[in-house]
Amino acid sequence: MSMGPHLSVRSALFVPATRADRIPKALASGADAVIVDLEDAVAPQDKDLARAALDAALAAGVGLPGVSVPLWVRVNAASPWVEEDMAVCARHAAVQAVMVPKAESTAQMQDAWERGGGKPLVALIETAAGFAQRDEVALHRAVQRLAFGSIDFQLDLGIAGEGEALLMFRSALVLSARLASLPPPLDGVTVEVADLRPVAADAARARALGFGGKLCIHPQQVGPVNVAFSPSAAEMDWAQRVVAACEAAAGAAVAVDGKMVDKPVLLRAQALLAQRR
């Protein structure tokens, strides 16, 4: 199962399935992935209408393979709707991954994988039960990435704070992804959309903690998130100088900016250079 298009996703932009007409605009927003949402963004009475709108848009060619931006679908959690959600995902090649909300067990991942036609899964950890089973969920062969549903997680555990109060949980999720040899997880959404400073700060914090990207709820959030999860000009300059100094030293000890460069430092520099876009 090839998962290449999903590994480097920094920004994943939600689009309500009730507004399937917005999918092309979302695909052109600069986001690294677009998530058509059948779950939280759709009222119960609109579920069938939203699914039909998505089905029609996909049938009309929206997000066909070959488009550089992967199209994901967030299905409903266990409910009267999930079986038909999965059928739509399985039916269309344009759906490159299925986001599974309330991810809590390997059995759930297996069921989603089978019902979704063998599509890669993005497991959304957003409950106490899901957090407790995060290592097992991450190890399921269909799971290609973890994501943190921070708002629902706060609600489930009665946590009021968004920052320090969730620090332990975020760090544990990063560790679980690494132990499962998955790419760094995606952090949860920032609800402020008029002011872009909070999303930029949240994204910077997430990157510092080891996350690889962030979920977005408005196209305006995509730019700041992409910047936060991309090496800065200063970082790239440092990385280039480290690599050049090591090559010139031919294995001898070397210092850059007054600091000794050992193997982990060189590997960090090489990793930064590999992120060039």
C-alpha atoms as a PDB file:
ATOM      1  CA  MET A   1       0.000   0.000   0.000  1.00  0.00           C
ATOM      2  CA  SER A   2       1.604   3.243  -1.117  1.00  0.00           C
ATOM      3  CA  MET A   3       1.199   6.115   1.296  1.00  0.00           C
ATOM      4  CA  GLY A   4       3.617   8.585  -0.269  1.00  0.00           C
ATOM      5  CA  PRO A   5       1.171  11.456  -0.966  1.00  0.00           C
ATOM      6  CA  HIS A   6       0.138  11.548   2.698  1.00  0.00           C
ATOM      7  CA  LEU A   7       3.482  11.489   4.463  1.00  0.00           C
ATOM      8  CA  SER A   8       4.429  15.134   3.924  1.00  0.00           C
ATOM      9  CA  VAL A   9       1.033  16.688   4.712  1.00  0.00           C
ATOM     10  CA  ARG A  10       1.532  19.803   6.837  1.00  0.00           C
ATOM     11  CA  SER A  11      -1.929  21.315   6.460  1.00  0.00           C
ATOM     12  CA  ALA A  12      -5.167  19.356   6.095  1.00  0.00           C
ATOM     13  CA  LEU A  13      -8.188  21.567   5.367  1.00  0.00           C
ATOM     14  CA  PHE A  14     -11.717  20.504   6.303  1.00  0.00           C
ATOM     15  CA  VAL A  15     -14.588  21.159   3.892  1.00  0.00           C
ATOM     16  CA  PRO A  16     -18.193  20.349   4.903  1.00  0.00           C
ATOM     17  CA  ALA A  17     -19.699  17.722   2.614  1.00  0.00           C
ATOM     18  CA  THR A  18     -22.810  19.902   2.504  1.00  0.00           C
ATOM     19  CA  ARG A  19     -20.673  22.363   0.536  1.00  0.00           C
ATOM     20  CA  ALA A  20     -19.169  19.973  -1.980  1.00  0.00           C
ATOM     21  CA  ASP A  21     -19.019  22.914  -4.390  1.00  0.00           C
ATOM     22  CA  ARG A  22     -16.156  24.263  -2.275  1.00  0.00           C
ATOM     23  CA  ILE A  23     -13.941  21.214  -2.800  1.00  0.00           C
ATOM     24  CA  PRO A  24     -12.187  22.577  -5.929  1.00  0.00           C
ATOM     25  CA  LYS A  25     -11.429  25.845  -4.126  1.00  0.00           C
ATOM     26  CA  ALA A  26     -10.089  23.917  -1.153  1.00  0.00           C
ATOM     27  CA  LEU A  27      -7.881  21.836  -3.440  1.00  0.00           C
ATOM     28  CA  ALA A  28      -6.444  25.084  -4.794  1.00  0.00           C
ATOM     29  CA  SER A  29      -6.009  26.714  -1.369  1.00  0.00           C
ATOM     30  CA  GLY A  30      -2.427  25.617  -0.831  1.00  0.00           C
ATOM     31  CA  ALA A  31      -3.413  22.941   1.674  1.00  0.00           C
ATOM     32  CA  ASP A  32      -1.430  19.728   1.474  1.00  0.00           C
ATOM     33  CA  ALA A  33      -4.615  17.666   1.861  1.00  0.00           C
ATOM     34  CA  VAL A  34      -8.357  18.333   1.811  1.00  0.00           C
ATOM     35  CA  ILE A  35     -10.709  16.508   4.175  1.00  0.00           C
ATOM     36  CA  VAL A  36     -14.353  16.387   3.109  1.00  0.00           C
ATOM     37  CA  ASP A  37     -16.262  16.152   6.379  1.00  0.00           C
ATOM     38  CA  LEU A  38     -19.336  13.976   6.793  1.00  0.00           C
ATOM     39  CA  GLU A  39     -19.195  14.084  10.586  1.00  0.00           C
ATOM     40  CA  ASP A  40     -19.026  17.155  12.867  1.00  0.00           C
ATOM     41  CA  ALA A  41     -19.651  19.729  10.135  1.00  0.00           C
ATOM     42  CA  VAL A  42     -22.935  18.084   9.114  1.00  0.00           C
ATOM     43  CA  ALA A  43     -26.151  18.191  11.152  1.00  0.00           C
ATOM     44  CA  PRO A  44     -27.904  14.837  11.713  1.00  0.00           C
ATOM     45  CA  GLN A  45     -30.821  15.773   9.474  1.00  0.00           C
ATOM     46  CA  ASP A  46     -28.411  16.628   6.645  1.00  0.00           C
ATOM     47  CA  LYS A  47     -26.261  13.479   6.700  1.00  0.00           C
ATOM     48  CA  ASP A  48     -27.896  11.754   3.737  1.00  0.00           C
ATOM     49  CA  LEU A  49     -27.961  14.956   1.684  1.00  0.00           C
ATOM     50  CA  ALA A  50     -24.292  15.649   2.428  1.00  0.00           C
ATOM     51  CA  ARG A  51     -23.236  12.116   1.467  1.00  0.00           C
ATOM     52  CA  ALA A  52     -25.203  12.337  -1.772  1.00  0.00           C
ATOM     53  CA  ALA A  53     -23.573  15.690  -2.583  1.00  0.00           C
ATOM     54  CA  LEU A  54     -20.114  14.223  -2.019  1.00  0.00           C
ATOM     55  CA  ASP A  55     -20.959  11.131  -4.062  1.00  0.00           C
ATOM     56  CA  ALA A  56     -22.136  13.311  -6.955  1.00  0.00           C
ATOM     57  CA  ALA A  57     -19.057  15.558  -6.805  1.00  0.00           C
ATOM     58  CA  LEU A  58     -16.736  12.567  -6.847  1.00  0.00           C
ATOM     59  CA  ALA A  59     -18.652  10.993  -9.714  1.00  0.00           C
ATOM     60  CA  ALA A  60     -18.249  14.262 -11.617  1.00  0.00           C
ATOM     61  CA  GLY A  61     -14.476  14.043 -11.299  1.00  0.00           C
ATOM     62  CA  VAL A  62     -13.621  16.212  -8.291  1.00  0.00           C
ATOM     63  CA  GLY A  63     -10.277  15.251  -6.802  1.00  0.00           C
ATOM     64  CA  LEU A  64      -9.432  12.576  -9.346  1.00  0.00           C
ATOM     65  CA  PRO A  65      -6.124  10.735  -8.888  1.00  0.00           C
ATOM     66  CA  GLY A  66      -3.375  12.753 -10.501  1.00  0.00           C
ATOM     67  CA  VAL A  67      -4.403  15.880  -8.609  1.00  0.00           C
ATOM     68  CA  SER A  68      -1.398  16.713  -6.457  1.00  0.00           C
ATOM     69  CA  VAL A  69      -3.497  17.367  -3.344  1.00  0.00           C
ATOM     70  CA  PRO A  70      -4.808  14.192  -1.652  1.00  0.00           C
ATOM     71  CA  LEU A  71      -8.543  14.075  -0.952  1.00  0.00           C
ATOM     72  CA  TRP A  72      -9.555  12.471   2.335  1.00  0.00           C
ATOM     73  CA  VAL A  73     -13.028  11.877   3.762  1.00  0.00           C
ATOM     74  CA  ARG A  74     -13.901  12.020   7.447  1.00  0.00           C
ATOM     75  CA  VAL A  75     -16.689   9.533   7.921  1.00  0.00           C
ATOM     76  CA  ASN A  76     -19.080   9.378  10.832  1.00  0.00           C
ATOM     77  CA  ALA A  77     -18.244   7.409  13.927  1.00  0.00           C
ATOM     78  CA  ALA A  78     -20.263   4.263  14.676  1.00  0.00           C
ATOM     79  CA  SER A  79     -23.763   5.377  13.747  1.00  0.00           C
ATOM     80  CA  PRO A  80     -26.608   4.701  11.303  1.00  0.00           C
ATOM     81  CA  TRP A  81     -24.579   6.554   8.661  1.00  0.00           C
ATOM     82  CA  VAL A  82     -21.108   5.033   8.758  1.00  0.00           C
ATOM     83  CA  GLU A  83     -21.792   2.034   6.531  1.00  0.00           C
ATOM     84  CA  GLU A  84     -23.026   4.219   3.664  1.00  0.00           C
ATOM     85  CA  ASP A  85     -20.166   6.696   4.266  1.00  0.00           C
ATOM     86  CA  MET A  86     -17.686   3.875   3.829  1.00  0.00           C
ATOM     87  CA  ALA A  87     -19.437   2.673   0.684  1.00  0.00           C
ATOM     88  CA  VAL A  88     -18.938   6.095  -0.935  1.00  0.00           C
ATOM     89  CA  CYS A  89     -15.241   6.048   0.005  1.00  0.00           C
ATOM     90  CA  ALA A  90     -14.801   2.562  -1.405  1.00  0.00           C
ATOM     91  CA  ARG A  91     -16.619   3.461  -4.623  1.00  0.00           C
ATOM     92  CA  HIS A  92     -14.411   6.386  -5.655  1.00  0.00           C
ATOM     93  CA  ALA A  93     -10.715   6.214  -6.484  1.00  0.00           C
ATOM     94  CA  ALA A  94     -10.431   9.958  -5.803  1.00  0.00           C
ATOM     95  CA  VAL A  95     -10.760   9.264  -2.063  1.00  0.00           C
ATOM     96  CA  GLN A  96      -7.152   8.602  -1.113  1.00  0.00           C
ATOM     97  CA  ALA A  97      -7.642   8.124   2.636  1.00  0.00           C
ATOM     98  CA  VAL A  98     -10.419   7.780   5.192  1.00  0.00           C
ATOM     99  CA  MET A  99     -10.263   9.736   8.440  1.00  0.00           C
ATOM    100  CA  VAL A 100     -11.786   7.632  11.220  1.00  0.00           C
ATOM    101  CA  PRO A 101     -13.178   9.713  14.106  1.00  0.00           C
ATOM    102  CA  LYS A 102     -13.213   8.452  17.690  1.00  0.00           C
ATOM    103  CA  ALA A 103     -10.501   5.925  16.800  1.00  0.00           C
ATOM    104  CA  GLU A 104     -10.380   3.547  19.747  1.00  0.00           C
ATOM    105  CA  SER A 105      -9.449  -0.003  18.679  1.00  0.00           C
ATOM    106  CA  THR A 106      -7.700  -2.137  16.111  1.00  0.00           C
ATOM    107  CA  ALA A 107     -11.014  -3.891  15.437  1.00  0.00           C
ATOM    108  CA  GLN A 108     -12.485  -0.526  14.472  1.00  0.00           C
ATOM    109  CA  MET A 109      -9.527   0.143  12.164  1.00  0.00           C
ATOM    110  CA  GLN A 110      -9.889  -3.266  10.549  1.00  0.00           C
ATOM    111  CA  ASP A 111     -13.592  -2.710   9.964  1.00  0.00           C
ATOM    112  CA  ALA A 112     -12.978   0.744   8.462  1.00  0.00           C
ATOM    113  CA  TRP A 113     -10.251  -0.623   6.218  1.00  0.00           C
ATOM    114  CA  GLU A 114     -12.459  -3.421   4.920  1.00  0.00           C
ATOM    115  CA  ARG A 115     -15.595  -1.299   4.480  1.00  0.00           C
ATOM    116  CA  GLY A 116     -13.617   1.515   2.893  1.00  0.00           C
ATOM    117  CA  GLY A 117     -12.244  -0.640   0.132  1.00  0.00           C
ATOM    118  CA  GLY A 118      -8.754  -0.947   1.550  1.00  0.00           C
ATOM    119  CA  LYS A 119      -8.093   2.800   1.694  1.00  0.00           C
ATOM    120  CA  PRO A 120      -5.346   4.082   4.001  1.00  0.00           C
ATOM    121  CA  LEU A 121      -6.681   5.397   7.308  1.00  0.00           C
ATOM    122  CA  VAL A 122      -6.032   8.542   9.315  1.00  0.00           C
ATOM    123  CA  ALA A 123      -6.907   7.674  12.917  1.00  0.00           C
ATOM    124  CA  LEU A 124      -8.348  10.605  14.870  1.00  0.00           C
ATOM    125  CA  ILE A 125      -7.544  10.199  18.564  1.00  0.00           C
ATOM    126  CA  GLU A 126     -10.105  12.262  20.454  1.00  0.00           C
ATOM    127  CA  THR A 127     -11.340  10.242  23.450  1.00  0.00           C
ATOM    128  CA  ALA A 128      -9.878   8.776  26.621  1.00  0.00           C
ATOM    129  CA  ALA A 129     -10.454   5.283  25.224  1.00  0.00           C
ATOM    130  CA  GLY A 130      -8.689   6.186  21.996  1.00  0.00           C
ATOM    131  CA  PHE A 131      -5.746   7.669  23.853  1.00  0.00           C
ATOM    132  CA  ALA A 132      -5.445   4.528  25.970  1.00  0.00           C
ATOM    133  CA  GLN A 133      -5.333   2.377  22.803  1.00  0.00           C
ATOM    134  CA  ARG A 134      -3.249   4.767  20.688  1.00  0.00           C
ATOM    135  CA  ASP A 135      -0.245   2.442  20.392  1.00  0.00           C
ATOM    136  CA  GLU A 136      -2.341  -0.466  19.147  1.00  0.00           C
ATOM    137  CA  VAL A 137      -4.311   1.755  16.757  1.00  0.00           C
ATOM    138  CA  ALA A 138      -1.098   3.228  15.354  1.00  0.00           C
ATOM    139  CA  LEU A 139       0.290  -0.229  14.642  1.00  0.00           C
ATOM    140  CA  HIS A 140      -2.648  -1.352  12.497  1.00  0.00           C
ATOM    141  CA  ARG A 141      -1.402  -1.904   8.951  1.00  0.00           C
ATOM    142  CA  ALA A 142      -3.999   0.413   7.384  1.00  0.00           C
ATOM    143  CA  VAL A 143      -3.251   3.392   9.622  1.00  0.00           C
ATOM    144  CA  GLN A 144      -0.966   5.795   7.791  1.00  0.00           C
ATOM    145  CA  ARG A 145      -1.173   8.717  10.208  1.00  0.00           C
ATOM    146  CA  LEU A 146      -2.487   9.746  13.608  1.00  0.00           C
ATOM    147  CA  ALA A 147      -4.330  13.004  14.246  1.00  0.00           C
ATOM    148  CA  PHE A 148      -5.327  14.669  17.515  1.00  0.00           C
ATOM    149  CA  GLY A 149      -8.960  15.669  17.953  1.00  0.00           C
ATOM    150  CA  SER A 150      -8.076  18.064  20.741  1.00  0.00           C
ATOM    151  CA  ILE A 151     -11.475  19.734  21.165  1.00  0.00           C
ATOM    152  CA  ASP A 152     -13.424  16.498  21.554  1.00  0.00           C
ATOM    153  CA  PHE A 153     -10.606  15.169  23.737  1.00  0.00           C
ATOM    154  CA  GLN A 154     -10.925  18.135  26.092  1.00  0.00           C
ATOM    155  CA  LEU A 155     -14.664  17.561  26.280  1.00  0.00           C
ATOM    156  CA  ASP A 156     -14.304  13.845  27.000  1.00  0.00           C
ATOM    157  CA  LEU A 157     -11.797  14.365  29.813  1.00  0.00           C
ATOM    158  CA  GLY A 158     -13.197  17.613  31.211  1.00  0.00           C
ATOM    159  CA  ILE A 159      -9.984  19.527  30.444  1.00  0.00           C
ATOM    160  CA  ALA A 160     -10.415  23.292  30.263  1.00  0.00           C
ATOM    161  CA  GLY A 161      -6.987  24.325  29.012  1.00  0.00           C
ATOM    162  CA  GLU A 162      -5.759  24.006  25.434  1.00  0.00           C
ATOM    163  CA  GLY A 163      -2.034  24.526  25.966  1.00  0.00           C
ATOM    164  CA  GLU A 164      -0.153  23.163  28.969  1.00  0.00           C
ATOM    165  CA  ALA A 165      -3.140  21.074  30.039  1.00  0.00           C
ATOM    166  CA  LEU A 166      -2.784  18.958  26.872  1.00  0.00           C
ATOM    167  CA  LEU A 167       1.018  18.880  26.760  1.00  0.00           C
ATOM    168  CA  MET A 168       1.377  15.338  28.092  1.00  0.00           C
ATOM    169  CA  PHE A 169      -1.242  13.968  25.731  1.00  0.00           C
ATOM    170  CA  ARG A 170       0.280  15.651  22.672  1.00  0.00           C
ATOM    171  CA  SER A 171       3.769  14.403  23.496  1.00  0.00           C
ATOM    172  CA  ALA A 172       2.468  10.869  24.055  1.00  0.00           C
ATOM    173  CA  LEU A 173       0.771  10.922  20.650  1.00  0.00           C
ATOM    174  CA  VAL A 174       4.028  11.969  18.982  1.00  0.00           C
ATOM    175  CA  LEU A 175       5.799   9.112  20.756  1.00  0.00           C
ATOM    176  CA  SER A 176       3.168   6.577  19.666  1.00  0.00           C
ATOM    177  CA  ALA A 177       3.504   7.638  16.042  1.00  0.00           C
ATOM    178  CA  ARG A 178       7.271   7.303  16.188  1.00  0.00           C
ATOM    179  CA  LEU A 179       7.133   3.859  17.813  1.00  0.00           C
ATOM    180  CA  ALA A 180       4.783   2.714  15.034  1.00  0.00           C
ATOM    181  CA  SER A 181       7.124   4.131  12.359  1.00  0.00           C
ATOM    182  CA  LEU A 182       4.417   6.552  11.230  1.00  0.00           C
ATOM    183  CA  PRO A 183       5.085  10.125  10.132  1.00  0.00           C
ATOM    184  CA  PRO A 184       4.613  12.731  12.882  1.00  0.00           C
ATOM    185  CA  PRO A 185       0.918  13.202  13.732  1.00  0.00           C
ATOM    186  CA  LEU A 186      -1.389  16.060  12.813  1.00  0.00           C
ATOM    187  CA  ASP A 187      -2.408  18.423  15.602  1.00  0.00           C
ATOM    188  CA  GLY A 188      -5.995  19.493  16.193  1.00  0.00           C
ATOM    189  CA  VAL A 189      -7.788  22.581  14.921  1.00  0.00           C
ATOM    190  CA  THR A 190      -7.575  26.172  16.114  1.00  0.00           C
ATOM    191  CA  VAL A 191     -11.076  27.601  16.380  1.00  0.00           C
ATOM    192  CA  GLU A 192     -10.135  31.276  15.844  1.00  0.00           C
ATOM    193  CA  VAL A 193     -10.406  32.110  12.159  1.00  0.00           C
ATOM    194  CA  ALA A 194     -10.545  35.923  12.052  1.00  0.00           C
ATOM    195  CA  ASP A 195      -7.215  36.360  13.846  1.00  0.00           C
ATOM    196  CA  LEU A 196      -4.392  34.278  12.367  1.00  0.00           C
ATOM    197  CA  ARG A 197      -1.994  34.791  15.268  1.00  0.00           C
ATOM    198  CA  PRO A 198      -3.475  31.983  17.393  1.00  0.00           C
ATOM    199  CA  VAL A 199      -3.220  29.397  14.598  1.00  0.00           C
ATOM    200  CA  ALA A 200       0.368  30.431  13.886  1.00  0.00           C
ATOM    201  CA  ALA A 201       1.255  30.129  17.582  1.00  0.00           C
ATOM    202  CA  ASP A 202      -0.546  26.790  17.925  1.00  0.00           C
ATOM    203  CA  ALA A 203       1.225  25.431  14.855  1.00  0.00           C
ATOM    204  CA  ALA A 204       4.624  26.581  16.127  1.00  0.00           C
ATOM    205  CA  ARG A 205       3.969  24.862  19.463  1.00  0.00           C
ATOM    206  CA  ALA A 206       2.869  21.677  17.714  1.00  0.00           C
ATOM    207  CA  ARG A 207       5.997  21.586  15.564  1.00  0.00           C
ATOM    208  CA  ALA A 208       8.188  22.125  18.635  1.00  0.00           C
ATOM    209  CA  LEU A 209       6.489  19.117  20.254  1.00  0.00           C
ATOM    210  CA  GLY A 210       7.203  16.900  17.242  1.00  0.00           C
ATOM    211  CA  PHE A 211       3.974  17.125  15.246  1.00  0.00           C
ATOM    212  CA  GLY A 212       4.281  17.156  11.480  1.00  0.00           C
ATOM    213  CA  GLY A 213       1.190  19.135  10.570  1.00  0.00           C
ATOM    214  CA  LYS A 214      -2.135  20.531  11.685  1.00  0.00           C
ATOM    215  CA  LEU A 215      -5.827  20.314  10.860  1.00  0.00           C
ATOM    216  CA  CYS A 216      -7.362  23.527   9.481  1.00  0.00           C
ATOM    217  CA  ILE A 217     -10.962  24.721   9.411  1.00  0.00           C
ATOM    218  CA  HIS A 218     -10.559  27.802   7.179  1.00  0.00           C
ATOM    219  CA  PRO A 219      -8.482  28.427   4.032  1.00  0.00           C
ATOM    220  CA  GLN A 220      -6.859  31.440   5.694  1.00  0.00           C
ATOM    221  CA  GLN A 221      -5.260  29.122   8.260  1.00  0.00           C
ATOM    222  CA  VAL A 222      -3.413  27.115   5.610  1.00  0.00           C
ATOM    223  CA  GLY A 223      -0.647  29.643   4.957  1.00  0.00           C
ATOM    224  CA  PRO A 224       0.443  30.122   8.584  1.00  0.00           C
ATOM    225  CA  VAL A 225       0.313  26.383   9.195  1.00  0.00           C
ATOM    226  CA  ASN A 226       2.429  25.585   6.135  1.00  0.00           C
ATOM    227  CA  VAL A 227       4.981  28.188   7.208  1.00  0.00           C
ATOM    228  CA  ALA A 228       5.139  26.817  10.754  1.00  0.00           C
ATOM    229  CA  PHE A 229       5.785  23.269   9.578  1.00  0.00           C
ATOM    230  CA  SER A 230       8.366  24.220   6.950  1.00  0.00           C
ATOM    231  CA  PRO A 231      12.034  24.948   7.632  1.00  0.00           C
ATOM    232  CA  SER A 232      12.724  28.666   7.868  1.00  0.00           C
ATOM    233  CA  ALA A 233      15.323  30.392   5.702  1.00  0.00           C
ATOM    234  CA  ALA A 234      17.623  30.537   8.732  1.00  0.00           C
ATOM    235  CA  GLU A 235      17.215  26.816   9.374  1.00  0.00           C
ATOM    236  CA  MET A 236      17.934  25.974   5.753  1.00  0.00           C
ATOM    237  CA  ASP A 237      21.025  28.173   5.755  1.00  0.00           C
ATOM    238  CA  TRP A 238      22.278  26.463   8.922  1.00  0.00           C
ATOM    239  CA  ALA A 239      21.576  23.015   7.500  1.00  0.00           C
ATOM    240  CA  GLN A 240      23.453  23.780   4.281  1.00  0.00           C
ATOM    241  CA  ARG A 241      26.453  25.053   6.215  1.00  0.00           C
ATOM    242  CA  VAL A 242      26.485  22.000   8.496  1.00  0.00           C
ATOM    243  CA  VAL A 243      26.391  19.585   5.568  1.00  0.00           C
ATOM    244  CA  ALA A 244      29.051  21.534   3.665  1.00  0.00           C
ATOM    245  CA  ALA A 245      31.326  21.682   6.722  1.00  0.00           C
ATOM    246  CA  CYS A 246      31.004  17.945   7.324  1.00  0.00           C
ATOM    247  CA  GLU A 247      31.761  17.153   3.696  1.00  0.00           C
ATOM    248  CA  ALA A 248      34.822  19.408   3.785  1.00  0.00           C
ATOM    249  CA  ALA A 249      36.036  17.846   7.049  1.00  0.00           C
ATOM    250  CA  ALA A 250      35.909  14.351   5.529  1.00  0.00           C
ATOM    251  CA  GLY A 251      35.156  12.683   8.830  1.00  0.00           C
ATOM    252  CA  ALA A 252      37.243  14.937  11.074  1.00  0.00           C
ATOM    253  CA  ALA A 253      35.738  16.866  13.963  1.00  0.00           C
ATOM    254  CA  VAL A 254      34.101  20.100  12.852  1.00  0.00           C
ATOM    255  CA  ALA A 255      32.267  23.031  14.427  1.00  0.00           C
ATOM    256  CA  VAL A 256      29.571  25.304  12.953  1.00  0.00           C
ATOM    257  CA  ASP A 257      28.629  28.574  14.639  1.00  0.00           C
ATOM    258  CA  GLY A 258      30.929  27.658  17.496  1.00  0.00           C
ATOM    259  CA  LYS A 259      29.164  24.368  18.203  1.00  0.00           C
ATOM    260  CA  MET A 260      30.523  20.906  17.607  1.00  0.00           C
ATOM    261  CA  VAL A 261      28.726  18.916  14.926  1.00  0.00           C
ATOM    262  CA  ASP A 262      28.225  15.237  15.703  1.00  0.00           C
ATOM    263  CA  LYS A 263      26.200  12.644  13.839  1.00  0.00           C
ATOM    264  CA  PRO A 264      22.752  13.572  15.262  1.00  0.00           C
ATOM    265  CA  VAL A 265      23.347  17.214  14.323  1.00  0.00           C
ATOM    266  CA  LEU A 266      24.322  16.223  10.785  1.00  0.00           C
ATOM    267  CA  LEU A 267      21.269  13.976  10.486  1.00  0.00           C
ATOM    268  CA  ARG A 268      19.069  16.856  11.661  1.00  0.00           C
ATOM    269  CA  ALA A 269      20.574  19.125   9.004  1.00  0.00           C
ATOM    270  CA  GLN A 270      20.073  16.512   6.305  1.00  0.00           C
ATOM    271  CA  ALA A 271      16.458  16.018   7.415  1.00  0.00           C
ATOM    272  CA  LEU A 272      15.795  19.743   7.128  1.00  0.00           C
ATOM    273  CA  LEU A 273      17.267  19.865   3.625  1.00  0.00           C
ATOM    274  CA  ALA A 274      15.063  16.921   2.643  1.00  0.00           C
ATOM    275  CA  GLN A 275      11.995  19.037   3.477  1.00  0.00           C
ATOM    276  CA  ARG A 276      12.706  21.556   0.734  1.00  0.00           C
ATOM    277  CA  ARG A 277       9.641  22.113  -1.476  1.00  0.00           C
END
